[in-house]
N, C-alpha and C. Protein backbone atom coordinates (compact mmCIF):
# COMPACT_ATOMS: atom_id res chain seq x y z
N MET A 1 -149.15 121.40 76.68
CA MET A 1 -148.01 121.03 77.52
C MET A 1 -146.71 121.28 76.76
N LEU A 2 -145.68 121.57 77.52
CA LEU A 2 -144.36 121.81 76.95
C LEU A 2 -143.45 120.67 77.33
N LYS A 3 -142.82 120.08 76.39
CA LYS A 3 -141.91 118.96 76.65
C LYS A 3 -140.48 119.44 76.54
N ALA A 4 -139.70 119.29 77.62
CA ALA A 4 -138.30 119.69 77.63
C ALA A 4 -137.43 118.45 77.69
N GLN A 5 -136.33 118.45 76.96
CA GLN A 5 -135.42 117.30 76.93
C GLN A 5 -134.00 117.79 77.20
N PRO A 6 -133.65 118.02 78.48
CA PRO A 6 -132.29 118.47 78.77
C PRO A 6 -131.30 117.33 78.78
N THR A 7 -130.12 117.57 78.27
CA THR A 7 -129.06 116.57 78.25
C THR A 7 -127.80 117.18 78.83
N THR A 8 -127.26 116.58 79.89
CA THR A 8 -126.05 117.10 80.52
C THR A 8 -124.87 116.95 79.57
N SER A 9 -124.04 117.98 79.50
CA SER A 9 -122.92 117.97 78.56
C SER A 9 -121.59 117.64 79.23
N ASN A 10 -121.54 117.67 80.57
CA ASN A 10 -120.29 117.42 81.31
C ASN A 10 -119.18 118.40 80.90
N GLY A 11 -119.59 119.58 80.43
CA GLY A 11 -118.62 120.61 80.09
C GLY A 11 -117.86 120.36 78.81
N GLN A 12 -118.25 119.36 78.01
CA GLN A 12 -117.55 119.07 76.77
C GLN A 12 -117.91 120.10 75.71
N THR A 13 -116.90 120.60 75.00
CA THR A 13 -117.13 121.61 73.97
C THR A 13 -116.39 121.21 72.70
N ASP A 14 -116.84 121.81 71.58
CA ASP A 14 -116.16 121.55 70.32
C ASP A 14 -115.05 122.57 70.11
N GLU A 15 -114.46 122.57 68.91
CA GLU A 15 -113.32 123.46 68.65
C GLU A 15 -113.71 124.93 68.65
N HIS A 16 -115.03 125.21 68.56
CA HIS A 16 -115.50 126.60 68.57
C HIS A 16 -115.97 127.03 69.96
N GLY A 17 -115.81 126.16 70.96
CA GLY A 17 -116.21 126.52 72.31
C GLY A 17 -117.67 126.29 72.61
N ARG A 18 -118.40 125.69 71.68
CA ARG A 18 -119.82 125.43 71.89
C ARG A 18 -120.01 124.09 72.61
N ILE A 19 -121.03 124.03 73.47
CA ILE A 19 -121.29 122.78 74.19
C ILE A 19 -121.65 121.68 73.21
N ARG A 20 -121.05 120.52 73.41
CA ARG A 20 -121.22 119.40 72.48
C ARG A 20 -122.17 118.37 73.07
N PHE A 21 -123.04 117.86 72.22
CA PHE A 21 -123.99 116.83 72.64
C PHE A 21 -123.30 115.47 72.68
N ASP A 22 -123.48 114.79 73.81
CA ASP A 22 -122.91 113.45 73.98
C ASP A 22 -124.05 112.43 73.96
N PRO A 23 -124.19 111.65 72.89
CA PRO A 23 -125.32 110.71 72.79
C PRO A 23 -125.25 109.58 73.81
N ASN A 24 -124.11 109.40 74.47
CA ASN A 24 -123.99 108.31 75.44
C ASN A 24 -124.57 108.67 76.81
N LEU A 25 -124.87 109.94 77.03
CA LEU A 25 -125.44 110.37 78.30
C LEU A 25 -126.95 110.18 78.31
N ASN A 26 -127.51 110.08 79.51
CA ASN A 26 -128.95 109.90 79.65
C ASN A 26 -129.68 111.17 79.26
N VAL A 27 -130.86 110.98 78.68
CA VAL A 27 -131.72 112.09 78.28
C VAL A 27 -132.91 112.14 79.22
N ASP A 28 -133.12 113.26 79.83
CA ASP A 28 -134.23 113.45 80.77
C ASP A 28 -135.39 114.11 80.04
N LYS A 29 -136.54 113.45 80.01
CA LYS A 29 -137.73 113.98 79.34
C LYS A 29 -138.73 114.42 80.41
N ARG A 30 -139.31 115.59 80.19
CA ARG A 30 -140.22 116.13 81.20
C ARG A 30 -141.34 116.90 80.53
N ASP A 31 -142.56 116.67 80.98
CA ASP A 31 -143.72 117.44 80.54
C ASP A 31 -143.97 118.56 81.55
N SER A 32 -144.12 119.78 81.06
CA SER A 32 -144.34 120.92 81.94
C SER A 32 -145.46 121.79 81.39
N PRO A 33 -146.43 122.14 82.22
CA PRO A 33 -147.44 123.12 81.78
C PRO A 33 -146.77 124.49 81.61
N PHE A 34 -147.26 125.28 80.69
CA PHE A 34 -146.65 126.59 80.48
C PHE A 34 -147.71 127.68 80.48
N PHE A 35 -147.32 128.84 81.04
CA PHE A 35 -148.19 130.01 81.04
C PHE A 35 -147.96 130.85 79.79
N LEU A 36 -146.72 130.91 79.35
CA LEU A 36 -146.37 131.65 78.14
C LEU A 36 -145.18 130.98 77.48
N LEU A 37 -144.93 131.36 76.24
CA LEU A 37 -143.76 130.87 75.50
C LEU A 37 -142.73 131.99 75.42
N ALA A 38 -141.54 131.75 75.96
CA ALA A 38 -140.47 132.74 75.91
C ALA A 38 -139.68 132.56 74.62
N MET A 39 -139.54 133.64 73.87
CA MET A 39 -138.85 133.61 72.59
C MET A 39 -137.52 134.33 72.67
N ASP A 40 -136.46 133.67 72.23
CA ASP A 40 -135.13 134.27 72.21
C ASP A 40 -134.91 134.98 70.88
N LEU A 41 -134.60 136.25 70.94
CA LEU A 41 -134.31 137.01 69.73
C LEU A 41 -132.84 136.83 69.36
N PRO A 42 -132.54 136.73 68.06
CA PRO A 42 -131.13 136.61 67.66
C PRO A 42 -130.37 137.87 68.03
N PRO A 43 -129.10 137.75 68.41
CA PRO A 43 -128.33 138.96 68.76
C PRO A 43 -128.23 139.89 67.57
N PRO A 44 -128.36 141.19 67.80
CA PRO A 44 -128.25 142.13 66.68
C PRO A 44 -126.85 142.13 66.11
N PRO A 45 -126.70 142.42 64.82
CA PRO A 45 -125.37 142.45 64.21
C PRO A 45 -124.54 143.60 64.76
N PRO A 46 -123.22 143.55 64.59
CA PRO A 46 -122.38 144.66 65.04
C PRO A 46 -122.82 145.97 64.41
N VAL A 47 -122.64 147.05 65.13
CA VAL A 47 -123.05 148.36 64.64
C VAL A 47 -122.24 148.70 63.39
N LEU A 48 -122.94 149.07 62.33
CA LEU A 48 -122.27 149.43 61.08
C LEU A 48 -121.93 150.91 61.08
N GLY A 49 -120.86 151.24 60.43
CA GLY A 49 -120.45 152.63 60.36
C GLY A 49 -121.25 153.41 59.33
N GLY A 50 -121.23 154.72 59.46
CA GLY A 50 -121.92 155.56 58.50
C GLY A 50 -123.38 155.78 58.86
N GLU A 51 -123.96 156.78 58.23
CA GLU A 51 -125.35 157.13 58.53
C GLU A 51 -126.31 156.04 58.11
N GLU A 52 -126.05 155.42 56.95
CA GLU A 52 -126.94 154.37 56.46
C GLU A 52 -126.92 153.16 57.38
N GLY A 53 -125.72 152.75 57.82
CA GLY A 53 -125.61 151.59 58.70
C GLY A 53 -126.27 151.82 60.03
N GLY A 54 -126.22 153.06 60.54
CA GLY A 54 -126.81 153.35 61.84
C GLY A 54 -128.32 153.27 61.83
N ASN A 55 -128.94 153.35 60.65
CA ASN A 55 -130.39 153.32 60.55
C ASN A 55 -130.94 151.93 60.28
N LEU A 56 -130.07 150.95 60.09
CA LEU A 56 -130.53 149.60 59.81
C LEU A 56 -131.03 148.93 61.09
N VAL A 57 -132.21 148.32 61.01
CA VAL A 57 -132.79 147.63 62.16
C VAL A 57 -132.92 146.15 61.80
N PRO A 58 -132.34 145.25 62.57
CA PRO A 58 -132.45 143.81 62.27
C PRO A 58 -133.89 143.34 62.40
N GLN A 59 -134.26 142.38 61.56
CA GLN A 59 -135.62 141.85 61.57
C GLN A 59 -135.59 140.33 61.46
N VAL A 60 -136.57 139.69 62.08
CA VAL A 60 -136.78 138.25 61.96
C VAL A 60 -138.27 138.00 61.80
N THR A 61 -138.63 136.83 61.34
CA THR A 61 -140.04 136.46 61.26
C THR A 61 -140.43 135.71 62.52
N ILE A 62 -141.71 135.71 62.82
CA ILE A 62 -142.17 135.00 64.01
C ILE A 62 -141.96 133.49 63.85
N GLY A 63 -141.93 133.02 62.60
CA GLY A 63 -141.65 131.61 62.37
C GLY A 63 -140.24 131.23 62.79
N GLN A 64 -139.29 132.16 62.60
CA GLN A 64 -137.91 131.89 62.99
C GLN A 64 -137.76 131.75 64.50
N VAL A 65 -138.43 132.60 65.27
CA VAL A 65 -138.31 132.51 66.72
C VAL A 65 -139.14 131.36 67.28
N LEU A 66 -140.24 131.02 66.61
CA LEU A 66 -141.04 129.88 67.05
C LEU A 66 -140.31 128.56 66.86
N SER A 67 -139.30 128.54 65.99
CA SER A 67 -138.57 127.30 65.74
C SER A 67 -137.86 126.77 66.98
N LYS A 68 -137.79 127.58 68.02
CA LYS A 68 -137.23 127.11 69.30
C LYS A 68 -138.00 125.90 69.82
N TYR A 69 -139.27 125.80 69.47
CA TYR A 69 -140.14 124.74 69.98
C TYR A 69 -140.44 123.68 68.92
N ASP A 70 -139.53 123.51 67.97
CA ASP A 70 -139.78 122.53 66.91
C ASP A 70 -139.38 121.11 67.29
N GLY A 71 -138.83 120.94 68.50
CA GLY A 71 -138.44 119.61 68.95
C GLY A 71 -137.13 119.12 68.37
N GLN A 72 -136.47 119.92 67.55
CA GLN A 72 -135.22 119.53 66.90
C GLN A 72 -134.05 120.42 67.28
N SER A 73 -134.31 121.70 67.47
CA SER A 73 -133.24 122.66 67.75
C SER A 73 -132.73 122.50 69.18
N PHE A 74 -131.42 122.58 69.34
CA PHE A 74 -130.80 122.50 70.66
C PHE A 74 -130.53 123.90 71.19
N HIS A 75 -130.74 124.06 72.51
CA HIS A 75 -130.51 125.35 73.16
C HIS A 75 -129.70 125.12 74.43
N THR A 76 -128.72 125.99 74.65
CA THR A 76 -127.82 125.84 75.79
C THR A 76 -128.37 126.56 77.00
N SER A 77 -128.40 125.87 78.14
CA SER A 77 -128.86 126.46 79.39
C SER A 77 -128.28 125.68 80.56
N ASN A 78 -127.54 126.39 81.44
CA ASN A 78 -126.98 125.77 82.64
C ASN A 78 -126.18 124.51 82.32
N ALA A 79 -125.28 124.62 81.36
CA ALA A 79 -124.40 123.51 80.96
C ALA A 79 -125.20 122.31 80.46
N LYS A 80 -126.37 122.55 79.89
CA LYS A 80 -127.18 121.48 79.33
C LYS A 80 -127.63 121.88 77.94
N LEU A 81 -127.86 120.88 77.12
CA LEU A 81 -128.48 121.09 75.82
C LEU A 81 -129.94 120.68 75.95
N THR A 82 -130.83 121.56 75.55
CA THR A 82 -132.26 121.32 75.74
C THR A 82 -133.00 121.46 74.42
N ARG A 83 -133.95 120.56 74.20
CA ARG A 83 -134.87 120.65 73.07
C ARG A 83 -136.28 120.84 73.63
N TYR A 84 -137.05 121.70 72.97
CA TYR A 84 -138.41 121.98 73.40
C TYR A 84 -139.39 121.57 72.30
N ALA A 85 -140.53 121.05 72.73
CA ALA A 85 -141.59 120.69 71.78
C ALA A 85 -142.93 120.94 72.44
N LEU A 86 -143.93 121.22 71.63
CA LEU A 86 -145.28 121.46 72.13
C LEU A 86 -146.13 120.22 71.94
N ARG A 87 -146.88 119.89 72.98
CA ARG A 87 -147.78 118.74 72.90
C ARG A 87 -149.21 119.19 72.62
N ARG A 88 -149.63 120.28 73.27
CA ARG A 88 -150.99 120.81 73.07
C ARG A 88 -150.92 122.32 72.92
N LEU A 89 -151.93 122.88 72.28
CA LEU A 89 -152.03 124.32 72.13
C LEU A 89 -153.19 124.85 72.96
N PRO A 90 -153.00 125.97 73.66
CA PRO A 90 -154.06 126.54 74.50
C PRO A 90 -155.01 127.42 73.69
N PRO A 91 -156.19 127.72 74.24
CA PRO A 91 -157.11 128.64 73.55
C PRO A 91 -156.50 130.02 73.34
N TYR A 92 -155.71 130.45 74.31
CA TYR A 92 -155.01 131.74 74.19
C TYR A 92 -153.51 131.49 74.35
N LEU A 93 -152.74 132.00 73.42
CA LEU A 93 -151.29 131.80 73.42
C LEU A 93 -150.61 133.12 73.74
N ILE A 94 -149.79 133.12 74.79
CA ILE A 94 -149.04 134.32 75.20
C ILE A 94 -147.57 134.12 74.82
N ILE A 95 -147.05 135.07 74.07
CA ILE A 95 -145.66 135.00 73.61
C ILE A 95 -144.87 136.16 74.21
N HIS A 96 -143.74 135.84 74.81
CA HIS A 96 -142.86 136.85 75.41
C HIS A 96 -141.54 136.88 74.66
N PHE A 97 -141.19 138.04 74.13
CA PHE A 97 -139.93 138.21 73.43
C PHE A 97 -138.88 138.76 74.41
N ARG A 98 -137.81 138.03 74.58
CA ARG A 98 -136.77 138.42 75.54
C ARG A 98 -135.91 139.54 74.96
N ARG A 99 -136.24 140.76 75.27
CA ARG A 99 -135.52 141.91 74.72
C ARG A 99 -134.39 142.39 75.62
N PHE A 100 -134.46 142.06 76.89
CA PHE A 100 -133.47 142.59 77.83
C PHE A 100 -132.59 141.45 78.35
N THR A 101 -131.30 141.62 78.21
CA THR A 101 -130.32 140.65 78.68
C THR A 101 -129.19 141.41 79.38
N LYS A 102 -128.29 140.66 80.00
CA LYS A 102 -127.11 141.25 80.62
C LYS A 102 -125.86 140.67 79.97
N ASN A 103 -124.89 141.55 79.72
CA ASN A 103 -123.64 141.10 79.11
C ASN A 103 -122.70 140.54 80.17
N SER A 104 -121.49 140.21 79.75
CA SER A 104 -120.52 139.60 80.67
C SER A 104 -120.11 140.53 81.80
N LEU A 105 -120.34 141.84 81.64
CA LEU A 105 -120.01 142.81 82.68
C LEU A 105 -121.18 143.10 83.60
N GLY A 106 -122.30 142.40 83.37
CA GLY A 106 -123.48 142.62 84.19
C GLY A 106 -124.29 143.83 83.79
N GLN A 107 -123.99 144.41 82.63
CA GLN A 107 -124.72 145.57 82.15
C GLN A 107 -125.94 145.14 81.35
N GLU A 108 -127.03 145.84 81.56
CA GLU A 108 -128.27 145.51 80.85
C GLU A 108 -128.18 145.96 79.40
N GLU A 109 -128.66 145.11 78.51
CA GLU A 109 -128.68 145.41 77.09
C GLU A 109 -130.08 145.21 76.54
N ARG A 110 -130.38 145.97 75.51
CA ARG A 110 -131.69 145.89 74.86
C ARG A 110 -131.52 145.43 73.42
N ASN A 111 -132.33 144.47 73.04
CA ASN A 111 -132.28 143.94 71.68
C ASN A 111 -133.36 144.63 70.84
N PRO A 112 -132.98 145.43 69.82
CA PRO A 112 -133.97 146.18 69.04
C PRO A 112 -134.56 145.41 67.87
N THR A 113 -134.24 144.12 67.75
CA THR A 113 -134.70 143.33 66.60
C THR A 113 -136.22 143.37 66.47
N LEU A 114 -136.70 143.66 65.28
CA LEU A 114 -138.14 143.67 65.01
C LEU A 114 -138.59 142.28 64.59
N VAL A 115 -139.81 141.94 64.98
CA VAL A 115 -140.38 140.63 64.64
C VAL A 115 -141.53 140.85 63.66
N ASN A 116 -141.43 140.24 62.48
CA ASN A 116 -142.50 140.31 61.49
C ASN A 116 -143.51 139.20 61.75
N PHE A 117 -144.78 139.55 61.81
CA PHE A 117 -145.82 138.57 62.10
C PHE A 117 -147.12 138.98 61.42
N PRO A 118 -147.98 138.03 61.13
CA PRO A 118 -149.29 138.37 60.57
C PRO A 118 -150.24 138.80 61.68
N ILE A 119 -151.19 139.64 61.35
CA ILE A 119 -152.20 140.02 62.33
C ILE A 119 -153.20 138.89 62.53
N LYS A 120 -153.47 138.18 61.46
CA LYS A 120 -154.42 137.07 61.49
C LYS A 120 -153.80 135.85 60.81
N ASN A 121 -154.42 134.70 61.08
CA ASN A 121 -154.06 133.44 60.41
C ASN A 121 -152.63 132.99 60.69
N LEU A 122 -152.20 133.09 61.95
CA LEU A 122 -150.90 132.54 62.33
C LEU A 122 -151.08 131.04 62.57
N ASP A 123 -150.58 130.24 61.65
CA ASP A 123 -150.70 128.79 61.75
C ASP A 123 -149.50 128.26 62.54
N ILE A 124 -149.72 127.94 63.81
CA ILE A 124 -148.63 127.48 64.67
C ILE A 124 -148.04 126.18 64.15
N ALA A 125 -148.90 125.27 63.70
CA ALA A 125 -148.43 123.95 63.25
C ALA A 125 -147.52 124.06 62.03
N LYS A 126 -147.63 125.15 61.29
CA LYS A 126 -146.76 125.34 60.12
C LYS A 126 -145.31 125.55 60.55
N HIS A 127 -145.13 126.17 61.71
CA HIS A 127 -143.79 126.46 62.21
C HIS A 127 -143.35 125.50 63.30
N VAL A 128 -144.31 125.00 64.08
CA VAL A 128 -144.00 124.13 65.22
C VAL A 128 -144.89 122.90 65.17
N PRO A 129 -144.45 121.80 64.58
CA PRO A 129 -145.27 120.59 64.57
C PRO A 129 -145.47 120.05 65.98
N LEU A 130 -146.71 119.71 66.30
CA LEU A 130 -147.02 119.20 67.63
C LEU A 130 -146.58 117.75 67.76
N LEU A 131 -146.27 117.35 68.99
CA LEU A 131 -145.90 115.97 69.25
C LEU A 131 -147.09 115.06 69.05
N ASN A 132 -146.86 113.89 68.52
CA ASN A 132 -147.92 112.90 68.36
C ASN A 132 -148.28 112.31 69.72
N THR A 133 -149.57 112.31 70.02
CA THR A 133 -150.05 111.77 71.29
C THR A 133 -150.88 110.53 71.02
N PRO A 134 -150.53 109.38 71.61
CA PRO A 134 -151.30 108.14 71.37
C PRO A 134 -152.78 108.30 71.69
N GLN A 135 -153.08 108.97 72.79
CA GLN A 135 -154.47 109.19 73.19
C GLN A 135 -154.70 110.69 73.33
N PRO A 136 -155.16 111.35 72.27
CA PRO A 136 -155.37 112.79 72.33
C PRO A 136 -156.36 113.18 73.42
N HIS A 137 -156.13 114.34 74.00
CA HIS A 137 -157.04 114.86 75.01
C HIS A 137 -158.39 115.14 74.37
N PRO A 138 -159.51 114.81 75.05
CA PRO A 138 -160.84 115.03 74.46
C PRO A 138 -161.07 116.48 74.02
N GLN A 139 -160.48 117.43 74.75
CA GLN A 139 -160.69 118.83 74.40
C GLN A 139 -159.93 119.24 73.14
N ASP A 140 -158.99 118.40 72.71
CA ASP A 140 -158.17 118.74 71.54
C ASP A 140 -158.80 118.31 70.23
N VAL A 141 -159.87 117.55 70.28
CA VAL A 141 -160.49 117.05 69.07
C VAL A 141 -161.04 118.21 68.24
N ASN A 142 -160.65 118.26 66.99
CA ASN A 142 -161.12 119.27 66.03
C ASN A 142 -160.75 120.70 66.42
N LEU A 143 -159.73 120.86 67.27
CA LEU A 143 -159.30 122.20 67.62
C LEU A 143 -158.49 122.82 66.48
N SER A 144 -158.68 124.11 66.30
CA SER A 144 -157.91 124.83 65.28
C SER A 144 -156.49 125.05 65.78
N GLN A 145 -155.55 125.20 64.86
CA GLN A 145 -154.18 125.55 65.21
C GLN A 145 -153.80 126.91 64.62
N VAL A 146 -154.84 127.68 64.26
CA VAL A 146 -154.65 129.00 63.68
C VAL A 146 -155.03 130.06 64.71
N TYR A 147 -154.20 131.08 64.84
CA TYR A 147 -154.41 132.11 65.85
C TYR A 147 -154.52 133.49 65.21
N ASP A 148 -155.29 134.36 65.89
CA ASP A 148 -155.39 135.77 65.51
C ASP A 148 -154.86 136.62 66.66
N LEU A 149 -154.19 137.72 66.31
CA LEU A 149 -153.61 138.59 67.33
C LEU A 149 -154.70 139.36 68.07
N VAL A 150 -154.62 139.36 69.40
CA VAL A 150 -155.57 140.07 70.24
C VAL A 150 -154.95 141.35 70.80
N ALA A 151 -153.73 141.25 71.31
CA ALA A 151 -153.05 142.40 71.90
C ALA A 151 -151.55 142.29 71.68
N ASN A 152 -150.91 143.45 71.57
CA ASN A 152 -149.47 143.50 71.31
C ASN A 152 -148.87 144.59 72.20
N VAL A 153 -148.10 144.21 73.21
CA VAL A 153 -147.45 145.16 74.11
C VAL A 153 -146.05 145.46 73.55
N VAL A 154 -145.75 146.74 73.36
CA VAL A 154 -144.48 147.13 72.73
C VAL A 154 -143.69 148.06 73.65
N TYR A 155 -142.38 148.06 73.42
CA TYR A 155 -141.46 148.90 74.21
C TYR A 155 -140.79 149.90 73.28
N ASP A 156 -140.59 151.10 73.78
CA ASP A 156 -139.95 152.14 72.97
C ASP A 156 -138.96 152.90 73.85
N ALA A 157 -137.81 153.21 73.30
CA ALA A 157 -136.79 153.99 73.99
C ALA A 157 -135.89 154.63 72.95
N VAL A 158 -135.05 155.54 73.38
CA VAL A 158 -134.12 156.20 72.46
C VAL A 158 -133.20 155.14 71.86
N PRO A 159 -133.04 155.13 70.53
CA PRO A 159 -132.17 154.12 69.90
C PRO A 159 -130.77 154.12 70.50
N GLY A 160 -130.24 152.92 70.72
CA GLY A 160 -128.91 152.79 71.28
C GLY A 160 -128.86 152.85 72.79
N THR A 161 -130.03 153.06 73.44
CA THR A 161 -130.09 153.08 74.90
C THR A 161 -131.03 151.99 75.37
N VAL A 162 -131.06 151.77 76.68
CA VAL A 162 -131.94 150.75 77.24
C VAL A 162 -133.18 151.38 77.87
N ARG A 163 -132.99 152.42 78.68
CA ARG A 163 -134.11 152.99 79.43
C ARG A 163 -134.39 154.46 79.11
N GLN A 164 -133.51 155.12 78.37
CA GLN A 164 -133.69 156.55 78.12
C GLN A 164 -134.94 156.80 77.29
N GLY A 165 -135.83 157.64 77.81
CA GLY A 165 -137.07 157.95 77.11
C GLY A 165 -137.98 156.76 76.95
N ALA A 166 -137.89 155.80 77.86
CA ALA A 166 -138.64 154.54 77.72
C ALA A 166 -140.13 154.75 77.93
N SER A 167 -140.91 154.00 77.18
CA SER A 167 -142.36 154.01 77.33
C SER A 167 -142.92 152.68 76.86
N TRP A 168 -144.11 152.36 77.36
CA TRP A 168 -144.81 151.13 76.99
C TRP A 168 -146.13 151.49 76.33
N LYS A 169 -146.50 150.73 75.31
CA LYS A 169 -147.78 150.90 74.65
C LYS A 169 -148.43 149.53 74.45
N CYS A 170 -149.73 149.55 74.33
CA CYS A 170 -150.46 148.32 74.06
C CYS A 170 -151.33 148.51 72.82
N HIS A 171 -151.17 147.63 71.86
CA HIS A 171 -151.97 147.65 70.64
C HIS A 171 -153.14 146.69 70.81
N VAL A 172 -154.35 147.20 70.70
CA VAL A 172 -155.55 146.37 70.81
C VAL A 172 -156.48 146.72 69.66
N HIS A 173 -157.49 145.89 69.44
CA HIS A 173 -158.40 146.12 68.32
C HIS A 173 -159.84 145.94 68.75
N THR A 174 -160.73 146.46 67.93
CA THR A 174 -162.16 146.29 68.15
C THR A 174 -162.66 145.20 67.21
N ASN A 175 -163.62 144.42 67.67
CA ASN A 175 -164.27 143.45 66.80
C ASN A 175 -165.32 144.19 65.98
N ALA A 176 -165.15 144.14 64.67
CA ALA A 176 -166.04 144.89 63.79
C ALA A 176 -167.46 144.35 63.86
N GLN A 177 -168.42 145.22 64.18
CA GLN A 177 -169.83 144.87 64.19
C GLN A 177 -170.61 145.97 63.47
N PRO A 178 -171.20 145.74 62.30
CA PRO A 178 -171.12 144.49 61.56
C PRO A 178 -169.73 144.27 60.95
N ALA A 179 -169.51 143.07 60.43
CA ALA A 179 -168.19 142.68 59.96
C ALA A 179 -167.68 143.58 58.84
N ASN A 180 -168.58 144.11 58.01
CA ASN A 180 -168.12 144.91 56.88
C ASN A 180 -167.64 146.30 57.29
N ASP A 181 -167.75 146.65 58.59
CA ASP A 181 -167.24 147.94 59.05
C ASP A 181 -165.72 147.95 59.14
N GLY A 182 -165.12 146.78 59.15
CA GLY A 182 -163.66 146.71 59.24
C GLY A 182 -163.16 146.77 60.67
N GLU A 183 -162.06 146.08 60.89
CA GLU A 183 -161.45 146.03 62.22
C GLU A 183 -160.58 147.25 62.44
N LYS A 184 -160.65 147.84 63.63
CA LYS A 184 -159.84 149.02 63.95
C LYS A 184 -158.86 148.70 65.07
N TRP A 185 -157.64 149.19 64.91
CA TRP A 185 -156.60 148.99 65.91
C TRP A 185 -156.29 150.31 66.60
N PHE A 186 -155.94 150.21 67.89
CA PHE A 186 -155.63 151.40 68.68
C PHE A 186 -154.35 151.17 69.48
N ALA A 187 -153.59 152.25 69.66
CA ALA A 187 -152.40 152.23 70.52
C ALA A 187 -152.74 152.97 71.80
N ILE A 188 -152.56 152.30 72.94
CA ILE A 188 -152.90 152.86 74.24
C ILE A 188 -151.63 153.08 75.05
N GLN A 189 -151.43 154.31 75.51
CA GLN A 189 -150.31 154.64 76.39
C GLN A 189 -150.83 155.53 77.51
N ASP A 190 -150.90 154.97 78.71
CA ASP A 190 -151.50 155.67 79.85
C ASP A 190 -152.93 156.06 79.47
N LEU A 191 -153.24 157.36 79.46
CA LEU A 191 -154.58 157.82 79.12
C LEU A 191 -154.71 158.22 77.66
N LEU A 192 -153.64 158.08 76.90
CA LEU A 192 -153.65 158.46 75.49
C LEU A 192 -154.05 157.27 74.62
N VAL A 193 -155.08 157.47 73.80
CA VAL A 193 -155.55 156.42 72.89
C VAL A 193 -155.56 156.98 71.48
N GLU A 194 -154.84 156.32 70.57
CA GLU A 194 -154.74 156.77 69.19
C GLU A 194 -155.06 155.62 68.26
N GLN A 195 -155.78 155.92 67.16
CA GLN A 195 -156.04 154.89 66.17
C GLN A 195 -154.74 154.57 65.43
N LEU A 196 -154.57 153.29 65.11
CA LEU A 196 -153.31 152.81 64.56
C LEU A 196 -153.55 152.08 63.25
N ASN A 197 -152.71 152.36 62.27
CA ASN A 197 -152.74 151.62 61.01
C ASN A 197 -152.21 150.22 61.26
N ARG A 198 -152.99 149.21 60.95
CA ARG A 198 -152.60 147.83 61.25
C ARG A 198 -151.31 147.43 60.54
N GLN A 199 -150.99 148.10 59.44
CA GLN A 199 -149.76 147.78 58.72
C GLN A 199 -148.51 148.27 59.47
N MET A 200 -148.70 149.11 60.49
CA MET A 200 -147.58 149.66 61.23
C MET A 200 -147.31 148.92 62.53
N ILE A 201 -148.13 147.93 62.85
CA ILE A 201 -148.02 147.28 64.16
C ILE A 201 -146.68 146.59 64.34
N PHE A 202 -146.21 145.87 63.34
CA PHE A 202 -144.97 145.10 63.51
C PHE A 202 -143.72 145.97 63.47
N LEU A 203 -143.87 147.28 63.22
CA LEU A 203 -142.71 148.17 63.18
C LEU A 203 -142.26 148.61 64.56
N ALA A 204 -142.96 148.17 65.61
CA ALA A 204 -142.57 148.49 66.98
C ALA A 204 -141.90 147.26 67.61
N GLU A 205 -141.21 147.47 68.71
CA GLU A 205 -140.50 146.39 69.39
C GLU A 205 -141.47 145.61 70.28
N SER A 206 -142.04 144.56 69.74
CA SER A 206 -142.99 143.74 70.50
C SER A 206 -142.30 143.09 71.68
N TYR A 207 -142.97 143.15 72.83
CA TYR A 207 -142.44 142.54 74.05
C TYR A 207 -143.32 141.39 74.54
N LEU A 208 -144.63 141.58 74.42
CA LEU A 208 -145.58 140.55 74.85
C LEU A 208 -146.76 140.55 73.89
N GLN A 209 -147.18 139.38 73.46
CA GLN A 209 -148.33 139.26 72.56
C GLN A 209 -149.32 138.24 73.10
N ILE A 210 -150.59 138.51 72.84
CA ILE A 210 -151.66 137.57 73.19
C ILE A 210 -152.38 137.19 71.90
N TRP A 211 -152.43 135.90 71.64
CA TRP A 211 -153.08 135.36 70.44
C TRP A 211 -154.27 134.50 70.85
N ALA A 212 -155.36 134.60 70.10
CA ALA A 212 -156.56 133.81 70.37
C ALA A 212 -156.73 132.76 69.29
N MET A 213 -156.99 131.53 69.74
CA MET A 213 -157.21 130.44 68.79
C MET A 213 -158.51 130.67 68.03
N ARG A 214 -158.45 130.51 66.74
CA ARG A 214 -159.65 130.69 65.91
C ARG A 214 -160.58 129.50 66.08
N SER A 215 -161.87 129.78 66.11
CA SER A 215 -162.86 128.71 66.25
C SER A 215 -162.83 127.82 65.03
N SER A 216 -162.82 126.50 65.27
CA SER A 216 -162.77 125.56 64.16
C SER A 216 -164.15 125.40 63.55
């Protein structure tokens, strides 16, 4: 379950124009089931001049974007300050990275920020502590909080554009049988299937990921 805590700001802002939290206002707490977790990518830095600056690609870790659900960080939405926290973890976790936004002129923009993540052993509790539940759900007993990547959907387009030369690919893997054969990853685009070096997976612009909870 996802717990949201929106607090109305009444339009109050600080000296920097940011919405200010008013502790005297009521706090609305709500439990909501979720299908996926939407991750906000940090805005890319201003374009740097020169050939070297033009080739720089901003990067963040998956732990940094997961911090949205740490129950402490405030996020602005519809003149409200909201905190998000996770109460339970599902067997399969779907993560959506918000790459496309619109600027003040209504023009679509693409965020090229790369997300660094492990292929295996993603410990969600390390980045997002779960809320304490007085009576844990029976299905949660002895559940693992470690996930392995199952699929990674990525977006590609000409640098500096949104849709020019756009294409979608899906990174998937085979379960090694026997285990000593090693796991193999493949990039699928339409009818084209190519073997992929697992070390290169995070170098693409991830848009949607599916993670499977490891058996405890």
